[in-house]
């Protein structure tokens, strides 16, 4: 498959990067490279690990990490926005307390 030229924006639109990538590249791999290239934060202000997703401007769809760019409908000249997501999860201590309380009530 051939290469395509895309424009990638951060969530604010202030950082923009023109890149040439293989159309059959996996979305997750492209995102990993662009986080570093665009010097985007890996952690939120409170220290939580952040992940990023591509939002395809033309279709309005969010691309899955396992999609290829072509499989996600990305074409030459398209704009993709890198949207940050904070990885949330319950603390292990809360889970243990909750599980213990549920067991005792059974």
PDB file of N, CA and C in Angstrom:
ATOM      1  N   UNK A   1       0.850  -1.178   0.000  1.00  0.00           N
ATOM      2  CA  UNK A   1       0.000   0.000   0.000  1.00  0.00           C
ATOM      3  C   UNK A   1       0.894   1.239   0.000  1.00  0.00           C
ATOM      4  N   UNK A   2       0.405   2.320  -0.497  1.00  0.00           N
ATOM      5  CA  UNK A   2       1.217   3.528  -0.637  1.00  0.00           C
ATOM      6  C   UNK A   2       1.134   4.423   0.593  1.00  0.00           C
ATOM      7  N   UNK A   3       1.979   5.433   0.588  1.00  0.00           N
ATOM      8  CA  UNK A   3       1.991   6.411   1.674  1.00  0.00           C
ATOM      9  C   UNK A   3       0.919   7.472   1.448  1.00  0.00           C
ATOM     10  N   UNK A   4       0.438   8.038   2.562  1.00  0.00           N
ATOM     11  CA  UNK A   4      -0.508   9.150   2.493  1.00  0.00           C
ATOM     12  C   UNK A   4       0.033  10.298   3.336  1.00  0.00           C
ATOM     13  N   UNK A   5      -0.324  11.494   2.967  1.00  0.00           N
ATOM     14  CA  UNK A   5       0.038  12.691   3.722  1.00  0.00           C
ATOM     15  C   UNK A   5      -1.177  13.120   4.525  1.00  0.00           C
ATOM     16  N   UNK A   6      -0.976  13.266   5.838  1.00  0.00           N
ATOM     17  CA  UNK A   6      -2.063  13.699   6.714  1.00  0.00           C
ATOM     18  C   UNK A   6      -1.575  14.844   7.586  1.00  0.00           C
ATOM     19  N   UNK A   7      -2.517  15.592   8.119  1.00  0.00           N
ATOM     20  CA  UNK A   7      -2.197  16.648   9.078  1.00  0.00           C
ATOM     21  C   UNK A   7      -2.771  16.219  10.422  1.00  0.00           C
ATOM     22  N   UNK A   8      -1.932  16.272  11.453  1.00  0.00           N
ATOM     23  CA  UNK A   8      -2.347  15.862  12.791  1.00  0.00           C
ATOM     24  C   UNK A   8      -2.342  17.084  13.692  1.00  0.00           C
ATOM     25  N   UNK A   9      -3.454  17.298  14.404  1.00  0.00           N
ATOM     26  CA  UNK A   9      -3.593  18.422  15.331  1.00  0.00           C
ATOM     27  C   UNK A   9      -3.680  17.885  16.746  1.00  0.00           C
ATOM     28  N   UNK A  10      -3.188  18.670  17.705  1.00  0.00           N
ATOM     29  CA  UNK A  10      -3.464  18.329  19.103  1.00  0.00           C
ATOM     30  C   UNK A  10      -4.886  18.777  19.417  1.00  0.00           C
ATOM     31  N   UNK A  11      -5.347  18.510  20.627  1.00  0.00           N
ATOM     32  CA  UNK A  11      -6.737  18.805  20.998  1.00  0.00           C
ATOM     33  C   UNK A  11      -7.073  20.286  20.888  1.00  0.00           C
ATOM     34  N   UNK A  12      -6.092  21.157  21.119  1.00  0.00           N
ATOM     35  CA  UNK A  12      -6.340  22.601  21.061  1.00  0.00           C
ATOM     36  C   UNK A  12      -6.251  23.155  19.646  1.00  0.00           C
ATOM     37  N   UNK A  13      -5.606  22.403  18.760  1.00  0.00           N
ATOM     38  CA  UNK A  13      -5.377  22.891  17.405  1.00  0.00           C
ATOM     39  C   UNK A  13      -4.146  23.766  17.293  1.00  0.00           C
ATOM     40  N   UNK A  14      -3.451  23.992  18.412  1.00  0.00           N
ATOM     41  CA  UNK A  14      -2.256  24.842  18.404  1.00  0.00           C
ATOM     42  C   UNK A  14      -1.030  24.137  17.842  1.00  0.00           C
ATOM     43  N   UNK A  15      -0.908  22.847  18.097  1.00  0.00           N
ATOM     44  CA  UNK A  15       0.214  22.073  17.565  1.00  0.00           C
ATOM     45  C   UNK A  15      -0.295  21.283  16.380  1.00  0.00           C
ATOM     46  N   UNK A  16       0.395  21.455  15.258  1.00  0.00           N
ATOM     47  CA  UNK A  16       0.009  20.748  14.037  1.00  0.00           C
ATOM     48  C   UNK A  16       1.247  20.132  13.413  1.00  0.00           C
ATOM     49  N   UNK A  17       1.074  18.954  12.880  1.00  0.00           N
ATOM     50  CA  UNK A  17       2.197  18.223  12.306  1.00  0.00           C
ATOM     51  C   UNK A  17       1.767  17.611  10.984  1.00  0.00           C
ATOM     52  N   UNK A  18       2.500  17.914   9.919  1.00  0.00           N
ATOM     53  CA  UNK A  18       2.270  17.260   8.635  1.00  0.00           C
ATOM     54  C   UNK A  18       3.134  16.010   8.603  1.00  0.00           C
ATOM     55  N   UNK A  19       2.536  14.872   8.298  1.00  0.00           N
ATOM     56  CA  UNK A  19       3.288  13.621   8.274  1.00  0.00           C
ATOM     57  C   UNK A  19       2.925  12.792   7.052  1.00  0.00           C
ATOM     58  N   UNK A  20       3.912  12.041   6.598  1.00  0.00           N
ATOM     59  CA  UNK A  20       3.703  11.069   5.531  1.00  0.00           C
ATOM     60  C   UNK A  20       3.816   9.699   6.174  1.00  0.00           C
ATOM     61  N   UNK A  21       2.766   8.911   6.067  1.00  0.00           N
ATOM     62  CA  UNK A  21       2.716   7.606   6.728  1.00  0.00           C
ATOM     63  C   UNK A  21       2.176   6.551   5.765  1.00  0.00           C
ATOM     64  N   UNK A  22       2.546   5.292   5.988  1.00  0.00           N
ATOM     65  CA  UNK A  22       1.963   4.229   5.164  1.00  0.00           C
ATOM     66  C   UNK A  22       0.460   4.112   5.443  1.00  0.00           C
ATOM     67  N   UNK A  23      -0.320   3.969   4.412  1.00  0.00           N
ATOM     68  CA  UNK A  23      -1.773   3.857   4.576  1.00  0.00           C
ATOM     69  C   UNK A  23      -2.155   2.617   5.376  1.00  0.00           C
ATOM     70  N   UNK A  24      -1.279   1.594   5.363  1.00  0.00           N
ATOM     71  CA  UNK A  24      -1.583   0.370   6.106  1.00  0.00           C
ATOM     72  C   UNK A  24      -0.981   0.367   7.516  1.00  0.00           C
ATOM     73  N   UNK A  25      -0.500   1.522   7.994  1.00  0.00           N
ATOM     74  CA  UNK A  25       0.045   1.625   9.354  1.00  0.00           C
ATOM     75  C   UNK A  25      -1.084   1.532  10.373  1.00  0.00           C
ATOM     76  N   UNK A  26      -0.810   0.827  11.483  1.00  0.00           N
ATOM     77  CA  UNK A  26      -1.799   0.742  12.557  1.00  0.00           C
ATOM     78  C   UNK A  26      -1.895   2.072  13.283  1.00  0.00           C
ATOM     79  N   UNK A  27      -3.114   2.470  13.583  1.00  0.00           N
ATOM     80  CA  UNK A  27      -3.390   3.742  14.250  1.00  0.00           C
ATOM     81  C   UNK A  27      -2.585   3.873  15.548  1.00  0.00           C
ATOM     82  N   UNK A  28      -2.552   2.824  16.365  1.00  0.00           N
ATOM     83  CA  UNK A  28      -1.843   2.870  17.639  1.00  0.00           C
ATOM     84  C   UNK A  28      -0.367   3.168  17.494  1.00  0.00           C
ATOM     85  N   UNK A  29       0.269   2.623  16.464  1.00  0.00           N
ATOM     86  CA  UNK A  29       1.699   2.862  16.231  1.00  0.00           C
ATOM     87  C   UNK A  29       1.944   4.300  15.786  1.00  0.00           C
ATOM     88  N   UNK A  30       1.073   4.816  14.948  1.00  0.00           N
ATOM     89  CA  UNK A  30       1.216   6.200  14.484  1.00  0.00           C
ATOM     90  C   UNK A  30       1.053   7.158  15.662  1.00  0.00           C
ATOM     91  N   UNK A  31       0.066   6.904  16.509  1.00  0.00           N
ATOM     92  CA  UNK A  31      -0.161   7.752  17.684  1.00  0.00           C
ATOM     93  C   UNK A  31       1.065   7.755  18.586  1.00  0.00           C
ATOM     94  N   UNK A  32       1.648   6.580  18.840  1.00  0.00           N
ATOM     95  CA  UNK A  32       2.814   6.483  19.727  1.00  0.00           C
ATOM     96  C   UNK A  32       3.969   7.347  19.233  1.00  0.00           C
ATOM     97  N   UNK A  33       4.210   7.345  17.943  1.00  0.00           N
ATOM     98  CA  UNK A  33       5.293   8.152  17.371  1.00  0.00           C
ATOM     99  C   UNK A  33       4.965   9.642  17.470  1.00  0.00           C
ATOM    100  N   UNK A  34       3.717   9.994  17.192  1.00  0.00           N
ATOM    101  CA  UNK A  34       3.338  11.408  17.178  1.00  0.00           C
ATOM    102  C   UNK A  34       3.291  12.039  18.566  1.00  0.00           C
ATOM    103  N   UNK A  35       2.995  11.270  19.595  1.00  0.00           N
ATOM    104  CA  UNK A  35       3.003  11.812  20.962  1.00  0.00           C
ATOM    105  C   UNK A  35       4.383  12.382  21.264  1.00  0.00           C
ATOM    106  N   UNK A  36       5.420  11.619  20.915  1.00  0.00           N
ATOM    107  CA  UNK A  36       6.789  12.094  21.141  1.00  0.00           C
ATOM    108  C   UNK A  36       7.147  13.240  20.203  1.00  0.00           C
ATOM    109  N   UNK A  37       6.843  13.085  18.931  1.00  0.00           N
ATOM    110  CA  UNK A  37       7.219  14.097  17.941  1.00  0.00           C
ATOM    111  C   UNK A  37       6.567  15.451  18.235  1.00  0.00           C
ATOM    112  N   UNK A  38       5.332  15.422  18.735  1.00  0.00           N
ATOM    113  CA  UNK A  38       4.612  16.668  19.013  1.00  0.00           C
ATOM    114  C   UNK A  38       4.781  17.119  20.465  1.00  0.00           C
ATOM    115  N   UNK A  39       5.608  16.395  21.217  1.00  0.00           N
ATOM    116  CA  UNK A  39       5.864  16.663  22.642  1.00  0.00           C
ATOM    117  C   UNK A  39       4.566  16.858  23.435  1.00  0.00           C
ATOM    118  N   UNK A  40       3.676  15.886  23.288  1.00  0.00           N
ATOM    119  CA  UNK A  40       2.414  15.911  24.027  1.00  0.00           C
ATOM    120  C   UNK A  40       2.624  15.244  25.383  1.00  0.00           C
ATOM    121  N   UNK A  41       1.904  15.684  26.404  1.00  0.00           N
ATOM    122  CA  UNK A  41       2.099  15.115  27.743  1.00  0.00           C
ATOM    123  C   UNK A  41       1.650  13.658  27.825  1.00  0.00           C
ATOM    124  N   UNK A  42       2.385  12.889  28.607  1.00  0.00           N
ATOM    125  CA  UNK A  42       2.018  11.490  28.844  1.00  0.00           C
ATOM    126  C   UNK A  42       1.208  11.340  30.123  1.00  0.00           C
ATOM    127  N   UNK A  43       1.259  12.363  30.982  1.00  0.00           N
ATOM    128  CA  UNK A  43       0.524  12.335  32.248  1.00  0.00           C
ATOM    129  C   UNK A  43      -0.304  13.598  32.388  1.00  0.00           C
ATOM    130  N   UNK A  44      -1.466  13.465  33.034  1.00  0.00           N
ATOM    131  CA  UNK A  44      -2.323  14.620  33.310  1.00  0.00           C
ATOM    132  C   UNK A  44      -1.687  15.438  34.432  1.00  0.00           C
ATOM    133  N   UNK A  45      -2.175  16.651  34.685  1.00  0.00           N
ATOM    134  CA  UNK A  45      -1.612  17.478  35.755  1.00  0.00           C
ATOM    135  C   UNK A  45      -1.603  16.793  37.127  1.00  0.00           C
ATOM    136  N   UNK A  46      -2.560  15.885  37.368  1.00  0.00           N
ATOM    137  CA  UNK A  46      -2.576  15.197  38.666  1.00  0.00           C
ATOM    138  C   UNK A  46      -1.821  13.866  38.635  1.00  0.00           C
ATOM    139  N   UNK A  47      -1.079  13.614  37.553  1.00  0.00           N
ATOM    140  CA  UNK A  47      -0.211  12.442  37.480  1.00  0.00           C
ATOM    141  C   UNK A  47      -0.814  11.203  36.856  1.00  0.00           C
ATOM    142  N   UNK A  48      -2.080  11.251  36.463  1.00  0.00           N
ATOM    143  CA  UNK A  48      -2.726  10.082  35.849  1.00  0.00           C
ATOM    144  C   UNK A  48      -2.152   9.846  34.450  1.00  0.00           C
ATOM    145  N   UNK A  49      -1.970   8.579  34.105  1.00  0.00           N
ATOM    146  CA  UNK A  49      -1.497   8.204  32.787  1.00  0.00           C
ATOM    147  C   UNK A  49      -2.547   8.570  31.740  1.00  0.00           C
ATOM    148  N   UNK A  50      -2.098   9.185  30.652  1.00  0.00           N
ATOM    149  CA  UNK A  50      -3.019   9.579  29.583  1.00  0.00           C
ATOM    150  C   UNK A  50      -2.792   8.701  28.360  1.00  0.00           C
ATOM    151  N   UNK A  51      -3.856   8.449  27.638  1.00  0.00           N
ATOM    152  CA  UNK A  51      -3.743   7.802  26.335  1.00  0.00           C
ATOM    153  C   UNK A  51      -4.394   8.745  25.329  1.00  0.00           C
ATOM    154  N   UNK A  52      -4.137   8.496  24.068  1.00  0.00           N
ATOM    155  CA  UNK A  52      -4.657   9.367  23.019  1.00  0.00           C
ATOM    156  C   UNK A  52      -5.413   8.546  21.987  1.00  0.00           C
ATOM    157  N   UNK A  53      -6.404   9.166  21.392  1.00  0.00           N
ATOM    158  CA  UNK A  53      -7.188   8.564  20.316  1.00  0.00           C
ATOM    159  C   UNK A  53      -7.185   9.536  19.139  1.00  0.00           C
ATOM    160  N   UNK A  54      -7.302   8.978  17.935  1.00  0.00           N
ATOM    161  CA  UNK A  54      -7.433   9.806  16.741  1.00  0.00           C
ATOM    162  C   UNK A  54      -8.909  10.071  16.474  1.00  0.00           C
ATOM    163  N   UNK A  55      -9.247  11.321  16.247  1.00  0.00           N
ATOM    164  CA  UNK A  55     -10.580  11.713  15.802  1.00  0.00           C
ATOM    165  C   UNK A  55     -10.430  12.148  14.347  1.00  0.00           C
ATOM    166  N   UNK A  56     -11.120  11.457  13.446  1.00  0.00           N
ATOM    167  CA  UNK A  56     -11.049  11.745  12.012  1.00  0.00           C
ATOM    168  C   UNK A  56     -11.993  12.896  11.702  1.00  0.00           C
ATOM    169  N   UNK A  57     -11.417  14.029  11.358  1.00  0.00           N
ATOM    170  CA  UNK A  57     -12.219  15.244  11.196  1.00  0.00           C
ATOM    171  C   UNK A  57     -13.295  15.103  10.112  1.00  0.00           C
ATOM    172  N   UNK A  58     -12.943  14.493   8.987  1.00  0.00           N
ATOM    173  CA  UNK A  58     -13.883  14.404   7.864  1.00  0.00           C
ATOM    174  C   UNK A  58     -15.098  13.527   8.185  1.00  0.00           C
ATOM    175  N   UNK A  59     -14.874  12.386   8.823  1.00  0.00           N
ATOM    176  CA  UNK A  59     -15.980  11.457   9.092  1.00  0.00           C
ATOM    177  C   UNK A  59     -16.608  11.667  10.466  1.00  0.00           C
ATOM    178  N   UNK A  60     -15.869  12.327  11.376  1.00  0.00           N
ATOM    179  CA  UNK A  60     -16.357  12.507  12.734  1.00  0.00           C
ATOM    180  C   UNK A  60     -16.173  11.270  13.602  1.00  0.00           C
ATOM    181  N   UNK A  61     -15.527  10.244  13.068  1.00  0.00           N
ATOM    182  CA  UNK A  61     -15.334   8.984  13.791  1.00  0.00           C
ATOM    183  C   UNK A  61     -14.060   8.997  14.622  1.00  0.00           C
ATOM    184  N   UNK A  62     -14.088   8.208  15.687  1.00  0.00           N
ATOM    185  CA  UNK A  62     -12.874   7.931  16.447  1.00  0.00           C
ATOM    186  C   UNK A  62     -12.282   6.654  15.869  1.00  0.00           C
ATOM    187  N   UNK A  63     -10.987   6.665  15.591  1.00  0.00           N
ATOM    188  CA  UNK A  63     -10.337   5.498  15.010  1.00  0.00           C
ATOM    189  C   UNK A  63      -9.854   4.562  16.111  1.00  0.00           C
ATOM    190  N   UNK A  64     -10.030   3.282  15.910  1.00  0.00           N
ATOM    191  CA  UNK A  64      -9.565   2.283  16.866  1.00  0.00           C
ATOM    192  C   UNK A  64      -8.062   2.085  16.713  1.00  0.00           C
ATOM    193  N   UNK A  65      -7.378   1.805  17.822  1.00  0.00           N
ATOM    194  CA  UNK A  65      -5.925   1.626  17.787  1.00  0.00           C
ATOM    195  C   UNK A  65      -5.507   0.491  16.868  1.00  0.00           C
ATOM    196  N   UNK A  66      -6.340  -0.517  16.728  1.00  0.00           N
ATOM    197  CA  UNK A  66      -5.999  -1.678  15.908  1.00  0.00           C
ATOM    198  C   UNK A  66      -6.348  -1.492  14.435  1.00  0.00           C
ATOM    199  N   UNK A  67      -7.081  -0.433  14.106  1.00  0.00           N
ATOM    200  CA  UNK A  67      -7.386  -0.117  12.706  1.00  0.00           C
ATOM    201  C   UNK A  67      -6.112   0.286  11.985  1.00  0.00           C
ATOM    202  N   UNK A  68      -6.099   0.093  10.683  1.00  0.00           N
ATOM    203  CA  UNK A  68      -5.082   0.758   9.874  1.00  0.00           C
ATOM    204  C   UNK A  68      -5.675   2.105   9.483  1.00  0.00           C
ATOM    205  N   UNK A  69      -4.824   3.011   9.051  1.00  0.00           N
ATOM    206  CA  UNK A  69      -5.340   4.315   8.624  1.00  0.00           C
ATOM    207  C   UNK A  69      -6.315   4.138   7.461  1.00  0.00           C
ATOM    208  N   UNK A  70      -5.931   3.329   6.469  1.00  0.00           N
ATOM    209  CA  UNK A  70      -6.817   3.098   5.320  1.00  0.00           C
ATOM    210  C   UNK A  70      -8.115   2.426   5.761  1.00  0.00           C
ATOM    211  N   UNK A  71      -8.019   1.459   6.665  1.00  0.00           N
ATOM    212  CA  UNK A  71      -9.205   0.768   7.169  1.00  0.00           C
ATOM    213  C   UNK A  71     -10.144   1.698   7.915  1.00  0.00           C
ATOM    214  N   UNK A  72      -9.590   2.753   8.504  1.00  0.00           N
ATOM    215  CA  UNK A  72     -10.396   3.748   9.205  1.00  0.00           C
ATOM    216  C   UNK A  72     -10.930   4.830   8.282  1.00  0.00           C
ATOM    217  N   UNK A  73     -10.668   4.690   6.981  1.00  0.00           N
ATOM    218  CA  UNK A  73     -11.182   5.654   6.012  1.00  0.00           C
ATOM    219  C   UNK A  73     -10.332   6.899   5.841  1.00  0.00           C
ATOM    220  N   UNK A  74      -9.097   6.874   6.349  1.00  0.00           N
ATOM    221  CA  UNK A  74      -8.217   8.041   6.237  1.00  0.00           C
ATOM    222  C   UNK A  74      -7.607   8.077   4.843  1.00  0.00           C
ATOM    223  N   UNK A  75      -7.688   9.251   4.224  1.00  0.00           N
ATOM    224  CA  UNK A  75      -7.173   9.437   2.870  1.00  0.00           C
ATOM    225  C   UNK A  75      -6.157  10.562   2.845  1.00  0.00           C
ATOM    226  N   UNK A  76      -5.432  10.636   1.754  1.00  0.00           N
ATOM    227  CA  UNK A  76      -4.430  11.676   1.563  1.00  0.00           C
ATOM    228  C   UNK A  76      -5.048  13.061   1.783  1.00  0.00           C
ATOM    229  N   UNK A  77      -4.389  13.870   2.614  1.00  0.00           N
ATOM    230  CA  UNK A  77      -4.855  15.227   2.877  1.00  0.00           C
ATOM    231  C   UNK A  77      -5.810  15.361   4.052  1.00  0.00           C
ATOM    232  N   UNK A  78      -6.199  14.248   4.675  1.00  0.00           N
ATOM    233  CA  UNK A  78      -7.138  14.307   5.804  1.00  0.00           C
ATOM    234  C   UNK A  78      -6.487  14.894   7.054  1.00  0.00           C
ATOM    235  N   UNK A  79      -7.335  15.368   7.956  1.00  0.00           N
ATOM    236  CA  UNK A  79      -6.902  15.912   9.244  1.00  0.00           C
ATOM    237  C   UNK A  79      -7.356  14.961  10.343  1.00  0.00           C
ATOM    238  N   UNK A  80      -6.411  14.612  11.220  1.00  0.00           N
ATOM    239  CA  UNK A  80      -6.707  13.793  12.389  1.00  0.00           C
ATOM    240  C   UNK A  80      -6.368  14.601  13.626  1.00  0.00           C
ATOM    241  N   UNK A  81      -7.256  14.574  14.598  1.00  0.00           N
ATOM    242  CA  UNK A  81      -7.019  15.286  15.860  1.00  0.00           C
ATOM    243  C   UNK A  81      -6.677  14.260  16.938  1.00  0.00           C
ATOM    244  N   UNK A  82      -5.580  14.514  17.664  1.00  0.00           N
ATOM    245  CA  UNK A  82      -5.191  13.646  18.777  1.00  0.00           C
ATOM    246  C   UNK A  82      -5.925  14.100  20.022  1.00  0.00           C
ATOM    247  N   UNK A  83      -6.874  13.289  20.473  1.00  0.00           N
ATOM    248  CA  UNK A  83      -7.672  13.605  21.658  1.00  0.00           C
ATOM    249  C   UNK A  83      -7.118  12.850  22.858  1.00  0.00           C
ATOM    250  N   UNK A  84      -6.762  13.538  23.936  1.00  0.00           N
ATOM    251  CA  UNK A  84      -6.266  12.835  25.121  1.00  0.00           C
ATOM    252  C   UNK A  84      -7.401  12.191  25.902  1.00  0.00           C
ATOM    253  N   UNK A  85      -7.079  11.061  26.527  1.00  0.00           N
ATOM    254  CA  UNK A  85      -8.013  10.379  27.423  1.00  0.00           C
ATOM    255  C   UNK A  85      -7.244  10.022  28.674  1.00  0.00           C
ATOM    256  N   UNK A  86      -7.816  10.294  29.816  1.00  0.00           N
ATOM    257  CA  UNK A  86      -7.173   9.919  31.066  1.00  0.00           C
ATOM    258  C   UNK A  86      -7.575   8.489  31.383  1.00  0.00           C
ATOM    259  N   UNK A  87      -6.581   7.645  31.619  1.00  0.00           N
ATOM    260  CA  UNK A  87      -6.846   6.254  31.954  1.00  0.00           C
ATOM    261  C   UNK A  87      -7.319   6.188  33.393  1.00  0.00           C
ATOM    262  N   UNK A  88      -8.566   5.818  33.568  1.00  0.00           N
ATOM    263  CA  UNK A  88      -9.152   5.778  34.908  1.00  0.00           C
ATOM    264  C   UNK A  88      -9.181   4.342  35.411  1.00  0.00           C
ATOM    265  N   UNK A  89      -9.204   4.215  36.722  1.00  0.00           N
ATOM    266  CA  UNK A  89      -9.304   2.884  37.313  1.00  0.00           C
ATOM    267  C   UNK A  89      -9.429   3.000  38.816  1.00  0.00           C
ATOM    268  N   UNK A  90     -10.077   2.033  39.406  1.00  0.00           N
ATOM    269  CA  UNK A  90     -10.237   2.030  40.860  1.00  0.00           C
ATOM    270  C   UNK A  90      -8.917   1.662  41.505  1.00  0.00           C
ATOM    271  N   UNK A  91      -8.667   2.228  42.660  1.00  0.00           N
ATOM    272  CA  UNK A  91      -7.440   1.880  43.375  1.00  0.00           C
ATOM    273  C   UNK A  91      -7.573   0.454  43.886  1.00  0.00           C
ATOM    274  N   UNK A  92      -6.465  -0.286  43.960  1.00  0.00           N
ATOM    275  CA  UNK A  92      -6.539  -1.669  44.433  1.00  0.00           C
ATOM    276  C   UNK A  92      -7.122  -1.766  45.840  1.00  0.00           C
ATOM    277  N   UNK A  93      -6.814  -0.807  46.717  1.00  0.00           N
ATOM    278  CA  UNK A  93      -7.333  -0.849  48.089  1.00  0.00           C
ATOM    279  C   UNK A  93      -8.857  -0.750  48.081  1.00  0.00           C
ATOM    280  N   UNK A  94      -9.414   0.117  47.262  1.00  0.00           N
ATOM    281  CA  UNK A  94     -10.866   0.259  47.182  1.00  0.00           C
ATOM    282  C   UNK A  94     -11.483  -1.056  46.714  1.00  0.00           C
ATOM    283  N   UNK A  95     -10.869  -1.687  45.725  1.00  0.00           N
ATOM    284  CA  UNK A  95     -11.403  -2.936  45.202  1.00  0.00           C
ATOM    285  C   UNK A  95     -11.418  -4.016  46.280  1.00  0.00           C
ATOM    286  N   UNK A  96     -10.344  -4.135  47.055  1.00  0.00           N
ATOM    287  CA  UNK A  96     -10.276  -5.152  48.107  1.00  0.00           C
ATOM    288  C   UNK A  96     -11.341  -4.901  49.162  1.00  0.00           C
ATOM    289  N   UNK A  97     -11.487  -3.644  49.589  1.00  0.00           N
ATOM    290  CA  UNK A  97     -12.502  -3.306  50.595  1.00  0.00           C
ATOM    291  C   UNK A  97     -13.882  -3.625  50.057  1.00  0.00           C
ATOM    292  N   UNK A  98     -14.147  -3.257  48.830  1.00  0.00           N
ATOM    293  CA  UNK A  98     -15.450  -3.481  48.216  1.00  0.00           C
ATOM    294  C   UNK A  98     -15.730  -4.982  48.090  1.00  0.00           C
ATOM    295  N   UNK A  99     -14.742  -5.746  47.643  1.00  0.00           N
ATOM    296  CA  UNK A  99     -14.930  -7.190  47.477  1.00  0.00           C
ATOM    297  C   UNK A  99     -15.144  -7.861  48.829  1.00  0.00           C
ATOM    298  N   UNK A 100     -14.416  -7.432  49.842  1.00  0.00           N
ATOM    299  CA  UNK A 100     -14.566  -8.004  51.177  1.00  0.00           C
ATOM    300  C   UNK A 100     -15.946  -7.706  51.739  1.00  0.00           C
ATOM    301  N   UNK A 101     -16.401  -6.474  51.559  1.00  0.00           N
ATOM    302  CA  UNK A 101     -17.727  -6.094  52.056  1.00  0.00           C
ATOM    303  C   UNK A 101     -18.808  -6.919  51.366  1.00  0.00           C
ATOM    304  N   UNK A 102     -18.669  -7.156  50.081  1.00  0.00           N
ATOM    305  CA  UNK A 102     -19.656  -7.946  49.345  1.00  0.00           C
ATOM    306  C   UNK A 102     -19.657  -9.392  49.813  1.00  0.00           C
ATOM    307  N   UNK A 103     -18.485  -9.932  50.111  1.00  0.00           N
ATOM    308  CA  UNK A 103     -18.380 -11.314  50.568  1.00  0.00           C
ATOM    309  C   UNK A 103     -19.025 -11.485  51.935  1.00  0.00           C
ATOM    310  N   UNK A 104     -18.820 -10.528  52.807  1.00  0.00           N
ATOM    311  CA  UNK A 104     -19.377 -10.616  54.158  1.00  0.00           C
ATOM    312  C   UNK A 104     -20.900 -10.545  54.150  1.00  0.00           C
ATOM    313  N   UNK A 105     -21.454  -9.818  53.200  1.00  0.00           N
ATOM    314  CA  UNK A 105     -22.908  -9.662  53.143  1.00  0.00           C
ATOM    315  C   UNK A 105     -23.588 -10.876  52.511  1.00  0.00           C
ATOM    316  N   UNK A 106     -22.815 -11.756  51.932  1.00  0.00           N
ATOM    317  CA  UNK A 106     -23.402 -12.903  51.213  1.00  0.00           C
ATOM    318  C   UNK A 106     -23.829 -14.021  52.133  1.00  0.00           C
TER     319      UNK A 106
END
